[in-house]
Amino acid sequence: MASALLSVSRFLPLQNRELGGFIRNFRSPYLGEVIGSKSFVRRAVRRRVHGDCFVVASVLGQKVKNRETVIPDPDYRIASVLLGLSGGLIYTNNLLPAAPVGLLGLLLLVQTSRVRFVFDNEALEVKVGEQLQESGENVFVGGKNRWKYSTFVNWELWWPNFPILVYFKETQTRPEGQVHFFPVIFNGKQLYDVMVERAGPSKTSGPK
């Protein structure tokens, strides 16, 4: 032990020192002592030589924020309104407009039951089914239906009191910007809140 202390004393001055950075090859029975909290971790090595205490290193690091995954609940209001409107048109013998309105209502009814917006820690992704399977490539512009929040240029929710469409523009698909429109087949309040949190504020007001 005495020889080890003498060996160390050749390289370290006999006074207290603090060095930021990683602890280099330094053998000590106290190596790896950790003093931590939720916001940082402090690694310190103390060595007592001839009554003097050495603080060799202190390493600080910030805790990375990890946001929970949010999946807005499905909302069947738009599909119900369209199917009701179609039924009213059929009742009044307006069969020609009733057909496309009814088909659109049926389509949205099916999509509401199967399509999900998944907001994870870094991106919005469109998934399908209860098992949240991948939706494949976008049929209109190509590429995966997953867009990082950092690439969002702008977004809007029409209309906040009864949301019909959500729009957003991102630069991940195309550097000049790519626009996307989706019917709001999810809980409008949940959708708005998570979009504000992850993509920044919109010009529209929040749903009442």
N, C-alpha and C. Protein backbone atom coordinates (compact mmCIF):
# COMPACT_ATOMS: atom_id res chain seq x y z
N MET A 1 0.83 -1.20 0.00
CA MET A 1 0.00 0.00 0.00
C MET A 1 0.86 1.25 0.00
N ALA A 2 1.93 1.25 0.79
CA ALA A 2 2.79 2.43 0.86
C ALA A 2 3.42 2.72 -0.48
N SER A 3 3.87 1.65 -1.18
CA SER A 3 4.49 1.86 -2.49
C SER A 3 3.50 2.40 -3.48
N ALA A 4 2.24 1.97 -3.36
CA ALA A 4 1.21 2.47 -4.27
C ALA A 4 0.96 3.94 -4.04
N LEU A 5 0.93 4.37 -2.80
CA LEU A 5 0.72 5.77 -2.49
C LEU A 5 1.87 6.62 -3.00
N LEU A 6 3.09 6.15 -2.86
CA LEU A 6 4.24 6.89 -3.35
C LEU A 6 4.21 7.00 -4.86
N SER A 7 3.75 5.94 -5.53
CA SER A 7 3.67 5.98 -7.00
C SER A 7 2.67 7.02 -7.46
N VAL A 8 1.54 7.10 -6.78
CA VAL A 8 0.52 8.09 -7.15
C VAL A 8 1.02 9.50 -6.89
N SER A 9 1.74 9.69 -5.79
CA SER A 9 2.17 11.02 -5.40
C SER A 9 3.15 11.62 -6.40
N ARG A 10 3.78 10.82 -7.23
CA ARG A 10 4.69 11.37 -8.23
C ARG A 10 3.95 12.12 -9.34
N PHE A 11 2.72 11.72 -9.56
CA PHE A 11 1.97 12.30 -10.68
C PHE A 11 0.95 13.34 -10.24
N LEU A 12 0.59 13.36 -8.96
CA LEU A 12 -0.44 14.30 -8.48
C LEU A 12 0.17 15.25 -7.46
N PRO A 13 -0.08 16.54 -7.60
CA PRO A 13 0.38 17.49 -6.58
C PRO A 13 -0.40 17.29 -5.30
N LEU A 14 0.26 17.61 -4.20
CA LEU A 14 -0.38 17.41 -2.91
C LEU A 14 -1.29 18.58 -2.58
N GLN A 15 -2.36 18.71 -3.36
CA GLN A 15 -3.37 19.72 -3.09
C GLN A 15 -4.66 19.28 -3.76
N ASN A 16 -5.78 19.88 -3.37
CA ASN A 16 -7.07 19.50 -3.94
C ASN A 16 -7.16 19.98 -5.37
N ARG A 17 -7.63 19.08 -6.29
CA ARG A 17 -7.80 19.46 -7.70
C ARG A 17 -9.12 18.89 -8.21
N GLU A 18 -9.72 19.60 -9.19
CA GLU A 18 -10.91 19.10 -9.86
C GLU A 18 -10.68 19.17 -11.34
N LEU A 19 -10.85 18.06 -12.02
CA LEU A 19 -10.66 18.00 -13.47
C LEU A 19 -11.96 17.56 -14.09
N GLY A 20 -12.55 18.39 -15.02
CA GLY A 20 -13.76 17.98 -15.73
C GLY A 20 -13.40 16.99 -16.80
N GLY A 21 -14.31 16.08 -17.09
CA GLY A 21 -14.07 15.11 -18.15
C GLY A 21 -14.12 13.71 -17.63
N PHE A 22 -13.67 12.79 -18.38
CA PHE A 22 -13.70 11.40 -18.01
C PHE A 22 -12.51 11.04 -17.12
N ILE A 23 -12.72 10.11 -16.26
CA ILE A 23 -11.67 9.65 -15.36
C ILE A 23 -10.74 8.76 -16.14
N ARG A 24 -9.49 9.13 -16.19
CA ARG A 24 -8.52 8.33 -16.93
C ARG A 24 -8.07 7.13 -16.08
N ASN A 25 -7.17 6.35 -16.64
CA ASN A 25 -6.76 5.12 -15.97
C ASN A 25 -6.16 5.43 -14.60
N PHE A 26 -6.96 5.33 -13.60
CA PHE A 26 -6.51 5.66 -12.25
C PHE A 26 -7.12 4.65 -11.30
N ARG A 27 -6.32 3.82 -10.68
CA ARG A 27 -6.78 2.76 -9.80
C ARG A 27 -6.98 3.30 -8.40
N SER A 28 -8.16 3.05 -7.84
CA SER A 28 -8.43 3.49 -6.48
C SER A 28 -9.55 2.64 -5.90
N PRO A 29 -9.50 2.37 -4.62
CA PRO A 29 -10.61 1.64 -4.00
C PRO A 29 -11.90 2.44 -4.02
N TYR A 30 -11.80 3.77 -4.30
CA TYR A 30 -12.98 4.63 -4.33
C TYR A 30 -13.43 4.92 -5.76
N LEU A 31 -12.77 4.33 -6.77
CA LEU A 31 -13.09 4.62 -8.16
C LEU A 31 -14.53 4.21 -8.46
N GLY A 32 -15.24 5.13 -9.11
CA GLY A 32 -16.60 4.81 -9.49
C GLY A 32 -17.63 5.23 -8.47
N GLU A 33 -17.25 5.96 -7.45
CA GLU A 33 -18.23 6.46 -6.49
C GLU A 33 -19.20 7.39 -7.20
N VAL A 34 -20.50 7.15 -7.04
CA VAL A 34 -21.50 7.92 -7.77
C VAL A 34 -22.35 8.71 -6.80
N ILE A 35 -22.47 9.99 -7.09
CA ILE A 35 -23.35 10.86 -6.32
C ILE A 35 -24.34 11.41 -7.32
N GLY A 36 -25.64 11.06 -7.25
CA GLY A 36 -26.55 11.44 -8.33
C GLY A 36 -27.86 11.98 -7.81
N SER A 37 -28.61 12.55 -8.77
CA SER A 37 -29.97 12.99 -8.53
C SER A 37 -30.73 12.79 -9.81
N LYS A 38 -31.96 13.28 -9.90
CA LYS A 38 -32.77 13.12 -11.11
C LYS A 38 -32.19 13.91 -12.27
N SER A 39 -31.52 14.99 -12.01
CA SER A 39 -31.08 15.86 -13.10
C SER A 39 -29.63 15.68 -13.49
N PHE A 40 -28.84 15.07 -12.66
CA PHE A 40 -27.44 14.89 -13.05
C PHE A 40 -26.80 13.76 -12.27
N VAL A 41 -25.69 13.32 -12.79
CA VAL A 41 -24.89 12.28 -12.13
C VAL A 41 -23.50 12.81 -11.93
N ARG A 42 -23.02 12.69 -10.74
CA ARG A 42 -21.66 13.15 -10.45
C ARG A 42 -20.80 11.96 -10.09
N ARG A 43 -19.73 11.81 -10.84
CA ARG A 43 -18.75 10.76 -10.53
C ARG A 43 -17.54 11.44 -9.89
N ALA A 44 -17.17 10.93 -8.76
CA ALA A 44 -16.04 11.54 -8.07
C ALA A 44 -15.09 10.47 -7.57
N VAL A 45 -13.83 10.76 -7.60
CA VAL A 45 -12.81 9.85 -7.07
C VAL A 45 -12.02 10.62 -6.03
N ARG A 46 -12.01 10.08 -4.85
CA ARG A 46 -11.26 10.74 -3.79
C ARG A 46 -10.13 9.82 -3.33
N ARG A 47 -9.01 10.41 -3.15
CA ARG A 47 -7.85 9.63 -2.70
C ARG A 47 -7.13 10.42 -1.62
N ARG A 48 -6.95 9.80 -0.47
CA ARG A 48 -6.28 10.51 0.61
C ARG A 48 -4.81 10.10 0.65
N VAL A 49 -3.93 11.07 0.46
CA VAL A 49 -2.49 10.82 0.50
C VAL A 49 -1.86 11.79 1.49
N HIS A 50 -1.22 11.27 2.51
CA HIS A 50 -0.56 12.08 3.55
C HIS A 50 -1.54 13.12 4.11
N GLY A 51 -2.82 12.71 4.29
CA GLY A 51 -3.78 13.61 4.91
C GLY A 51 -4.43 14.57 3.94
N ASP A 52 -4.03 14.58 2.65
CA ASP A 52 -4.64 15.50 1.69
C ASP A 52 -5.65 14.74 0.84
N CYS A 53 -6.82 15.36 0.59
CA CYS A 53 -7.89 14.73 -0.17
C CYS A 53 -7.87 15.25 -1.59
N PHE A 54 -7.87 14.36 -2.56
CA PHE A 54 -7.84 14.73 -3.97
C PHE A 54 -9.22 14.46 -4.58
N VAL A 55 -9.79 15.46 -5.23
CA VAL A 55 -11.00 15.26 -6.03
C VAL A 55 -10.51 15.23 -7.46
N VAL A 56 -10.38 14.02 -8.03
CA VAL A 56 -9.73 13.87 -9.33
C VAL A 56 -10.65 14.27 -10.47
N ALA A 57 -11.94 13.90 -10.43
CA ALA A 57 -12.79 14.20 -11.58
C ALA A 57 -14.24 14.34 -11.15
N SER A 58 -14.95 15.11 -11.92
CA SER A 58 -16.39 15.28 -11.72
C SER A 58 -17.04 15.33 -13.08
N VAL A 59 -17.91 14.39 -13.35
CA VAL A 59 -18.55 14.31 -14.65
C VAL A 59 -20.04 14.59 -14.49
N LEU A 60 -20.52 15.57 -15.21
CA LEU A 60 -21.93 15.95 -15.14
C LEU A 60 -22.60 15.65 -16.46
N GLY A 61 -23.85 15.19 -16.41
CA GLY A 61 -24.61 14.94 -17.64
C GLY A 61 -26.07 15.21 -17.40
N GLN A 62 -26.76 15.80 -18.37
CA GLN A 62 -28.18 16.10 -18.23
C GLN A 62 -29.02 14.88 -18.56
N LYS A 63 -30.13 14.74 -17.87
CA LYS A 63 -31.05 13.65 -18.12
C LYS A 63 -31.86 13.94 -19.38
N VAL A 64 -31.95 12.95 -20.28
CA VAL A 64 -32.67 13.14 -21.54
C VAL A 64 -34.17 13.01 -21.28
N LYS A 65 -34.95 13.98 -21.77
CA LYS A 65 -36.39 13.96 -21.59
C LYS A 65 -37.00 12.90 -22.49
N ASN A 66 -37.84 12.06 -21.90
CA ASN A 66 -38.47 10.99 -22.65
C ASN A 66 -39.98 11.14 -22.53
N ARG A 67 -40.65 11.53 -23.65
CA ARG A 67 -42.09 11.75 -23.61
C ARG A 67 -42.85 10.46 -23.86
N GLU A 68 -43.99 10.34 -23.21
CA GLU A 68 -44.80 9.14 -23.37
C GLU A 68 -45.46 9.10 -24.74
N THR A 69 -45.81 7.90 -25.18
CA THR A 69 -46.52 7.73 -26.44
C THR A 69 -48.00 8.04 -26.24
N VAL A 70 -48.55 8.86 -27.14
CA VAL A 70 -49.95 9.27 -27.05
C VAL A 70 -50.68 8.80 -28.31
N ILE A 71 -51.84 8.15 -28.11
CA ILE A 71 -52.69 7.70 -29.22
C ILE A 71 -54.09 8.25 -28.98
N PRO A 72 -54.49 9.32 -29.69
CA PRO A 72 -55.84 9.88 -29.49
C PRO A 72 -56.93 8.84 -29.73
N ASP A 73 -58.00 8.92 -28.95
CA ASP A 73 -59.11 7.99 -29.08
C ASP A 73 -59.84 8.19 -30.41
N PRO A 74 -60.42 7.11 -30.98
CA PRO A 74 -61.21 7.27 -32.21
C PRO A 74 -62.47 8.09 -31.95
N ASP A 75 -62.92 8.82 -32.97
CA ASP A 75 -64.12 9.65 -32.87
C ASP A 75 -64.96 9.41 -34.12
N TYR A 76 -66.18 8.90 -33.92
CA TYR A 76 -67.04 8.49 -35.03
C TYR A 76 -68.03 9.58 -35.45
N ARG A 77 -67.86 10.79 -34.97
CA ARG A 77 -68.86 11.83 -35.24
C ARG A 77 -68.97 12.18 -36.71
N ILE A 78 -67.86 12.33 -37.41
CA ILE A 78 -67.91 12.71 -38.82
C ILE A 78 -68.58 11.62 -39.64
N ALA A 79 -68.20 10.37 -39.39
CA ALA A 79 -68.83 9.26 -40.11
C ALA A 79 -70.33 9.20 -39.81
N SER A 80 -70.72 9.43 -38.56
CA SER A 80 -72.14 9.39 -38.19
C SER A 80 -72.92 10.50 -38.87
N VAL A 81 -72.33 11.70 -38.92
CA VAL A 81 -73.01 12.83 -39.58
C VAL A 81 -73.21 12.55 -41.06
N LEU A 82 -72.19 12.02 -41.73
CA LEU A 82 -72.29 11.74 -43.16
C LEU A 82 -73.31 10.64 -43.44
N LEU A 83 -73.32 9.60 -42.62
CA LEU A 83 -74.30 8.54 -42.82
C LEU A 83 -75.72 9.03 -42.53
N GLY A 84 -75.87 9.89 -41.53
CA GLY A 84 -77.17 10.48 -41.24
C GLY A 84 -77.65 11.37 -42.38
N LEU A 85 -76.71 12.15 -42.93
CA LEU A 85 -77.05 13.02 -44.05
C LEU A 85 -77.46 12.19 -45.27
N SER A 86 -76.74 11.10 -45.50
CA SER A 86 -77.08 10.22 -46.61
C SER A 86 -78.47 9.62 -46.43
N GLY A 87 -78.78 9.21 -45.22
CA GLY A 87 -80.11 8.68 -44.94
C GLY A 87 -81.20 9.72 -45.18
N GLY A 88 -80.91 10.97 -44.79
CA GLY A 88 -81.87 12.04 -45.02
C GLY A 88 -82.10 12.30 -46.50
N LEU A 89 -81.02 12.23 -47.28
CA LEU A 89 -81.14 12.42 -48.73
C LEU A 89 -81.93 11.30 -49.38
N ILE A 90 -81.72 10.09 -48.91
CA ILE A 90 -82.49 8.95 -49.43
C ILE A 90 -83.97 9.12 -49.08
N TYR A 91 -84.24 9.57 -47.87
CA TYR A 91 -85.63 9.76 -47.42
C TYR A 91 -86.35 10.80 -48.27
N THR A 92 -85.63 11.81 -48.74
CA THR A 92 -86.22 12.86 -49.57
C THR A 92 -86.07 12.57 -51.06
N ASN A 93 -85.72 11.34 -51.40
CA ASN A 93 -85.60 10.91 -52.80
C ASN A 93 -84.46 11.58 -53.56
N ASN A 94 -83.45 12.06 -52.86
CA ASN A 94 -82.24 12.62 -53.50
C ASN A 94 -81.18 11.53 -53.56
N LEU A 95 -81.43 10.54 -54.41
CA LEU A 95 -80.56 9.36 -54.44
C LEU A 95 -79.19 9.65 -55.01
N LEU A 96 -79.12 10.58 -55.98
CA LEU A 96 -77.85 10.86 -56.63
C LEU A 96 -76.80 11.39 -55.65
N PRO A 97 -77.11 12.44 -54.85
CA PRO A 97 -76.11 12.89 -53.87
C PRO A 97 -76.00 11.96 -52.66
N ALA A 98 -77.01 11.18 -52.40
CA ALA A 98 -76.99 10.29 -51.23
C ALA A 98 -75.93 9.21 -51.37
N ALA A 99 -75.71 8.75 -52.60
CA ALA A 99 -74.75 7.65 -52.81
C ALA A 99 -73.33 8.03 -52.45
N PRO A 100 -72.75 9.13 -52.99
CA PRO A 100 -71.36 9.46 -52.61
C PRO A 100 -71.22 9.85 -51.15
N VAL A 101 -72.22 10.54 -50.60
CA VAL A 101 -72.16 10.92 -49.18
C VAL A 101 -72.16 9.68 -48.29
N GLY A 102 -73.03 8.71 -48.66
CA GLY A 102 -73.10 7.48 -47.88
C GLY A 102 -71.82 6.66 -47.98
N LEU A 103 -71.23 6.60 -49.18
CA LEU A 103 -69.98 5.85 -49.36
C LEU A 103 -68.84 6.49 -48.57
N LEU A 104 -68.80 7.83 -48.58
CA LEU A 104 -67.77 8.51 -47.80
C LEU A 104 -67.95 8.26 -46.32
N GLY A 105 -69.21 8.26 -45.86
CA GLY A 105 -69.48 7.97 -44.46
C GLY A 105 -69.06 6.57 -44.06
N LEU A 106 -69.32 5.59 -44.95
CA LEU A 106 -68.91 4.21 -44.68
C LEU A 106 -67.39 4.09 -44.65
N LEU A 107 -66.71 4.78 -45.59
CA LEU A 107 -65.25 4.74 -45.62
C LEU A 107 -64.66 5.29 -44.33
N LEU A 108 -65.17 6.43 -43.89
CA LEU A 108 -64.66 7.04 -42.66
C LEU A 108 -65.01 6.19 -41.43
N LEU A 109 -66.14 5.50 -41.48
CA LEU A 109 -66.50 4.62 -40.38
C LEU A 109 -65.47 3.49 -40.23
N VAL A 110 -65.09 2.89 -41.36
CA VAL A 110 -64.09 1.83 -41.34
C VAL A 110 -62.73 2.37 -40.92
N GLN A 111 -62.33 3.52 -41.49
CA GLN A 111 -61.03 4.09 -41.17
C GLN A 111 -60.93 4.50 -39.70
N THR A 112 -62.03 4.99 -39.15
CA THR A 112 -62.02 5.38 -37.74
C THR A 112 -61.77 4.18 -36.84
N SER A 113 -62.26 3.03 -37.24
CA SER A 113 -62.11 1.82 -36.42
C SER A 113 -60.72 1.20 -36.54
N ARG A 114 -59.97 1.56 -37.60
CA ARG A 114 -58.70 0.88 -37.82
C ARG A 114 -57.46 1.78 -37.82
N VAL A 115 -57.57 3.05 -38.19
CA VAL A 115 -56.41 3.94 -38.31
C VAL A 115 -56.14 4.64 -36.99
N ARG A 116 -54.86 4.73 -36.64
CA ARG A 116 -54.46 5.41 -35.41
C ARG A 116 -53.31 6.37 -35.69
N PHE A 117 -53.37 7.54 -35.06
CA PHE A 117 -52.23 8.45 -35.03
C PHE A 117 -51.44 8.12 -33.76
N VAL A 118 -50.17 7.76 -33.93
CA VAL A 118 -49.31 7.41 -32.78
C VAL A 118 -48.25 8.49 -32.63
N PHE A 119 -48.30 9.21 -31.53
CA PHE A 119 -47.33 10.26 -31.23
C PHE A 119 -46.30 9.68 -30.25
N ASP A 120 -45.14 9.28 -30.75
CA ASP A 120 -44.11 8.76 -29.86
C ASP A 120 -43.17 9.89 -29.43
N ASN A 121 -42.01 9.54 -28.93
CA ASN A 121 -41.10 10.54 -28.38
C ASN A 121 -40.59 11.54 -29.40
N GLU A 122 -40.46 11.13 -30.68
CA GLU A 122 -39.84 12.02 -31.66
C GLU A 122 -40.62 12.22 -32.94
N ALA A 123 -41.70 11.45 -33.16
CA ALA A 123 -42.37 11.54 -34.45
C ALA A 123 -43.84 11.16 -34.36
N LEU A 124 -44.60 11.61 -35.37
CA LEU A 124 -45.99 11.18 -35.58
C LEU A 124 -45.98 10.07 -36.62
N GLU A 125 -46.65 8.96 -36.32
CA GLU A 125 -46.72 7.85 -37.26
C GLU A 125 -48.15 7.36 -37.39
N VAL A 126 -48.57 7.06 -38.63
CA VAL A 126 -49.88 6.50 -38.89
C VAL A 126 -49.77 4.98 -38.85
N LYS A 127 -50.57 4.35 -37.97
CA LYS A 127 -50.57 2.89 -37.86
C LYS A 127 -52.00 2.38 -37.98
N VAL A 128 -52.13 1.06 -38.18
CA VAL A 128 -53.46 0.48 -38.39
C VAL A 128 -53.67 -0.72 -37.47
N GLY A 129 -54.94 -0.92 -37.10
CA GLY A 129 -55.31 -2.09 -36.32
C GLY A 129 -55.05 -1.96 -34.84
N GLU A 130 -55.62 -2.88 -34.09
CA GLU A 130 -55.44 -2.89 -32.64
C GLU A 130 -54.00 -3.20 -32.25
N GLN A 131 -53.28 -3.92 -33.12
CA GLN A 131 -51.89 -4.27 -32.85
C GLN A 131 -50.93 -3.18 -33.31
N LEU A 132 -51.46 -2.08 -33.82
CA LEU A 132 -50.65 -0.94 -34.29
C LEU A 132 -49.60 -1.39 -35.30
N GLN A 133 -50.07 -1.99 -36.37
CA GLN A 133 -49.19 -2.42 -37.44
C GLN A 133 -48.81 -1.23 -38.33
N GLU A 134 -47.68 -1.34 -39.01
CA GLU A 134 -47.24 -0.27 -39.90
C GLU A 134 -48.21 -0.13 -41.06
N SER A 135 -48.43 1.11 -41.49
CA SER A 135 -49.40 1.39 -42.56
C SER A 135 -48.78 1.33 -43.95
N GLY A 136 -47.49 1.06 -44.02
CA GLY A 136 -46.83 0.98 -45.33
C GLY A 136 -46.50 2.35 -45.88
N GLU A 137 -46.21 2.42 -47.17
CA GLU A 137 -45.85 3.69 -47.80
C GLU A 137 -47.08 4.55 -48.07
N ASN A 138 -46.87 5.85 -48.07
CA ASN A 138 -47.93 6.79 -48.39
C ASN A 138 -48.30 6.64 -49.86
N VAL A 139 -49.57 6.42 -50.14
CA VAL A 139 -49.99 6.13 -51.52
C VAL A 139 -49.93 7.36 -52.41
N PHE A 140 -49.90 8.55 -51.82
CA PHE A 140 -49.92 9.77 -52.62
C PHE A 140 -48.53 10.34 -52.88
N VAL A 141 -47.70 10.41 -51.85
CA VAL A 141 -46.39 11.05 -52.00
C VAL A 141 -45.23 10.09 -51.78
N GLY A 142 -45.53 8.83 -51.40
CA GLY A 142 -44.47 7.87 -51.16
C GLY A 142 -43.82 8.07 -49.80
N GLY A 143 -42.96 7.16 -49.43
CA GLY A 143 -42.28 7.26 -48.14
C GLY A 143 -43.13 6.71 -47.01
N LYS A 144 -42.50 6.46 -45.89
CA LYS A 144 -43.17 5.91 -44.72
C LYS A 144 -44.08 6.96 -44.09
N ASN A 145 -45.22 6.52 -43.57
CA ASN A 145 -46.15 7.42 -42.89
C ASN A 145 -45.67 7.72 -41.47
N ARG A 146 -44.51 8.31 -41.40
CA ARG A 146 -43.90 8.68 -40.12
C ARG A 146 -43.11 9.97 -40.34
N TRP A 147 -43.40 10.99 -39.54
CA TRP A 147 -42.78 12.30 -39.74
C TRP A 147 -42.30 12.85 -38.39
N LYS A 148 -41.04 13.27 -38.35
CA LYS A 148 -40.48 13.82 -37.12
C LYS A 148 -41.05 15.21 -36.84
N TYR A 149 -41.28 15.49 -35.55
CA TYR A 149 -41.83 16.79 -35.17
C TYR A 149 -40.90 17.93 -35.58
N SER A 150 -39.61 17.66 -35.57
CA SER A 150 -38.63 18.70 -35.90
C SER A 150 -38.73 19.16 -37.35
N THR A 151 -39.42 18.38 -38.20
CA THR A 151 -39.55 18.76 -39.62
C THR A 151 -40.86 19.47 -39.90
N PHE A 152 -41.73 19.63 -38.88
CA PHE A 152 -43.01 20.29 -39.09
C PHE A 152 -42.80 21.78 -39.29
N VAL A 153 -43.37 22.31 -40.36
CA VAL A 153 -43.29 23.74 -40.66
C VAL A 153 -44.52 24.46 -40.12
N ASN A 154 -45.67 23.86 -40.33
CA ASN A 154 -46.92 24.47 -39.87
C ASN A 154 -47.99 23.38 -39.77
N TRP A 155 -49.01 23.65 -38.98
CA TRP A 155 -50.15 22.74 -38.91
C TRP A 155 -51.39 23.50 -38.49
N GLU A 156 -52.55 22.99 -38.87
CA GLU A 156 -53.82 23.62 -38.54
C GLU A 156 -54.87 22.55 -38.25
N LEU A 157 -55.86 22.92 -37.47
CA LEU A 157 -56.99 22.03 -37.17
C LEU A 157 -58.27 22.76 -37.54
N TRP A 158 -58.99 22.25 -38.54
CA TRP A 158 -60.25 22.87 -38.98
C TRP A 158 -61.42 21.98 -38.60
N TRP A 159 -62.41 22.46 -37.99
CA TRP A 159 -62.54 23.69 -37.22
C TRP A 159 -62.50 23.28 -35.77
N PRO A 160 -61.93 24.06 -34.90
CA PRO A 160 -61.66 23.60 -33.54
C PRO A 160 -62.89 23.10 -32.77
N ASN A 161 -64.04 23.76 -32.93
CA ASN A 161 -65.22 23.36 -32.16
C ASN A 161 -65.79 22.02 -32.63
N PHE A 162 -65.66 21.73 -33.92
CA PHE A 162 -66.05 20.44 -34.48
C PHE A 162 -65.01 20.09 -35.53
N PRO A 163 -63.88 19.54 -35.12
CA PRO A 163 -62.76 19.33 -36.04
C PRO A 163 -63.13 18.42 -37.21
N ILE A 164 -62.84 18.89 -38.42
CA ILE A 164 -63.12 18.13 -39.63
C ILE A 164 -61.83 17.63 -40.27
N LEU A 165 -60.85 18.55 -40.40
CA LEU A 165 -59.59 18.21 -41.06
C LEU A 165 -58.41 18.67 -40.21
N VAL A 166 -57.34 17.91 -40.26
CA VAL A 166 -56.07 18.34 -39.70
C VAL A 166 -55.07 18.43 -40.87
N TYR A 167 -54.35 19.53 -40.89
CA TYR A 167 -53.37 19.78 -41.95
C TYR A 167 -52.01 19.99 -41.32
N PHE A 168 -50.96 19.46 -41.93
CA PHE A 168 -49.61 19.82 -41.50
C PHE A 168 -48.67 19.76 -42.70
N LYS A 169 -47.63 20.56 -42.61
CA LYS A 169 -46.62 20.63 -43.66
C LYS A 169 -45.28 20.27 -43.04
N GLU A 170 -44.55 19.35 -43.70
CA GLU A 170 -43.26 18.90 -43.18
C GLU A 170 -42.21 18.88 -44.28
N THR A 171 -40.95 18.94 -43.88
CA THR A 171 -39.84 18.98 -44.83
C THR A 171 -39.06 17.67 -44.88
N GLN A 172 -39.59 16.63 -44.23
CA GLN A 172 -38.91 15.34 -44.23
C GLN A 172 -39.08 14.63 -45.57
N THR A 173 -40.29 14.68 -46.13
CA THR A 173 -40.56 14.03 -47.41
C THR A 173 -39.91 14.77 -48.57
N ARG A 174 -40.05 16.11 -48.55
CA ARG A 174 -39.45 16.96 -49.57
C ARG A 174 -38.84 18.18 -48.89
N PRO A 175 -37.64 18.56 -49.29
CA PRO A 175 -36.99 19.73 -48.66
C PRO A 175 -37.81 21.01 -48.81
N GLU A 176 -38.55 21.14 -49.91
CA GLU A 176 -39.35 22.35 -50.12
C GLU A 176 -40.65 22.31 -49.34
N GLY A 177 -40.96 21.17 -48.73
CA GLY A 177 -42.16 21.05 -47.92
C GLY A 177 -43.22 20.18 -48.57
N GLN A 178 -43.83 19.30 -47.78
CA GLN A 178 -44.91 18.44 -48.25
C GLN A 178 -46.13 18.63 -47.36
N VAL A 179 -47.29 18.85 -47.98
CA VAL A 179 -48.53 19.11 -47.26
C VAL A 179 -49.32 17.80 -47.11
N HIS A 180 -49.94 17.61 -45.93
CA HIS A 180 -50.77 16.43 -45.66
C HIS A 180 -52.11 16.88 -45.09
N PHE A 181 -53.18 16.23 -45.54
CA PHE A 181 -54.53 16.46 -45.00
C PHE A 181 -55.08 15.13 -44.51
N PHE A 182 -55.66 15.13 -43.30
CA PHE A 182 -56.31 13.93 -42.77
C PHE A 182 -57.66 14.32 -42.16
N PRO A 183 -58.68 13.52 -42.36
CA PRO A 183 -59.94 13.77 -41.64
C PRO A 183 -59.72 13.51 -40.15
N VAL A 184 -60.35 14.32 -39.33
CA VAL A 184 -60.19 14.16 -37.88
C VAL A 184 -61.12 13.05 -37.41
N ILE A 185 -60.64 11.83 -37.47
CA ILE A 185 -61.41 10.68 -37.00
C ILE A 185 -60.93 10.25 -35.62
N PHE A 186 -60.33 11.23 -34.90
CA PHE A 186 -59.83 11.01 -33.54
C PHE A 186 -60.43 12.07 -32.63
N ASN A 187 -60.25 11.89 -31.34
CA ASN A 187 -60.69 12.89 -30.38
C ASN A 187 -59.98 14.21 -30.66
N GLY A 188 -60.75 15.25 -31.06
CA GLY A 188 -60.16 16.51 -31.49
C GLY A 188 -59.36 17.22 -30.40
N LYS A 189 -59.84 17.16 -29.16
CA LYS A 189 -59.15 17.81 -28.05
C LYS A 189 -57.81 17.14 -27.78
N GLN A 190 -57.81 15.81 -27.74
CA GLN A 190 -56.55 15.08 -27.52
C GLN A 190 -55.57 15.34 -28.66
N LEU A 191 -56.09 15.34 -29.88
CA LEU A 191 -55.23 15.58 -31.05
C LEU A 191 -54.61 16.97 -30.99
N TYR A 192 -55.42 17.96 -30.69
CA TYR A 192 -54.91 19.34 -30.62
C TYR A 192 -53.85 19.48 -29.53
N ASP A 193 -54.13 18.94 -28.36
CA ASP A 193 -53.20 19.10 -27.22
C ASP A 193 -51.85 18.47 -27.51
N VAL A 194 -51.85 17.27 -28.08
CA VAL A 194 -50.57 16.61 -28.33
C VAL A 194 -49.83 17.27 -29.50
N MET A 195 -50.55 17.82 -30.48
CA MET A 195 -49.89 18.53 -31.57
C MET A 195 -49.22 19.80 -31.05
N VAL A 196 -49.89 20.51 -30.16
CA VAL A 196 -49.30 21.72 -29.57
C VAL A 196 -48.05 21.36 -28.77
N GLU A 197 -48.12 20.28 -28.00
CA GLU A 197 -46.99 19.86 -27.17
C GLU A 197 -45.79 19.43 -28.01
N ARG A 198 -46.04 18.65 -29.08
CA ARG A 198 -44.94 18.05 -29.83
C ARG A 198 -44.50 18.90 -31.02
N ALA A 199 -45.42 19.63 -31.66
CA ALA A 199 -45.08 20.36 -32.89
C ALA A 199 -45.14 21.87 -32.74
N GLY A 200 -45.46 22.37 -31.54
CA GLY A 200 -45.54 23.81 -31.35
C GLY A 200 -46.94 24.33 -31.60
N PRO A 201 -47.19 25.60 -31.25
CA PRO A 201 -48.54 26.16 -31.35
C PRO A 201 -49.01 26.32 -32.79
N SER A 202 -50.33 26.27 -32.95
CA SER A 202 -50.97 26.48 -34.24
C SER A 202 -51.68 27.85 -34.21
N LYS A 203 -52.06 28.33 -35.40
CA LYS A 203 -52.78 29.60 -35.46
C LYS A 203 -54.23 29.44 -34.99
N THR A 204 -54.74 28.22 -35.02
CA THR A 204 -56.11 28.00 -34.58
C THR A 204 -56.18 27.93 -33.08
N SER A 205 -57.37 28.17 -32.55
CA SER A 205 -57.56 28.05 -31.11
C SER A 205 -57.90 26.62 -30.77
N GLY A 206 -57.77 26.28 -29.50
CA GLY A 206 -58.02 24.92 -29.09
C GLY A 206 -59.49 24.56 -29.12
N PRO A 207 -59.83 23.30 -29.30
CA PRO A 207 -61.24 22.86 -29.28
C PRO A 207 -61.89 23.16 -27.95
N LYS A 208 -63.14 23.58 -27.98
CA LYS A 208 -63.88 23.90 -26.77
C LYS A 208 -64.53 22.65 -26.20
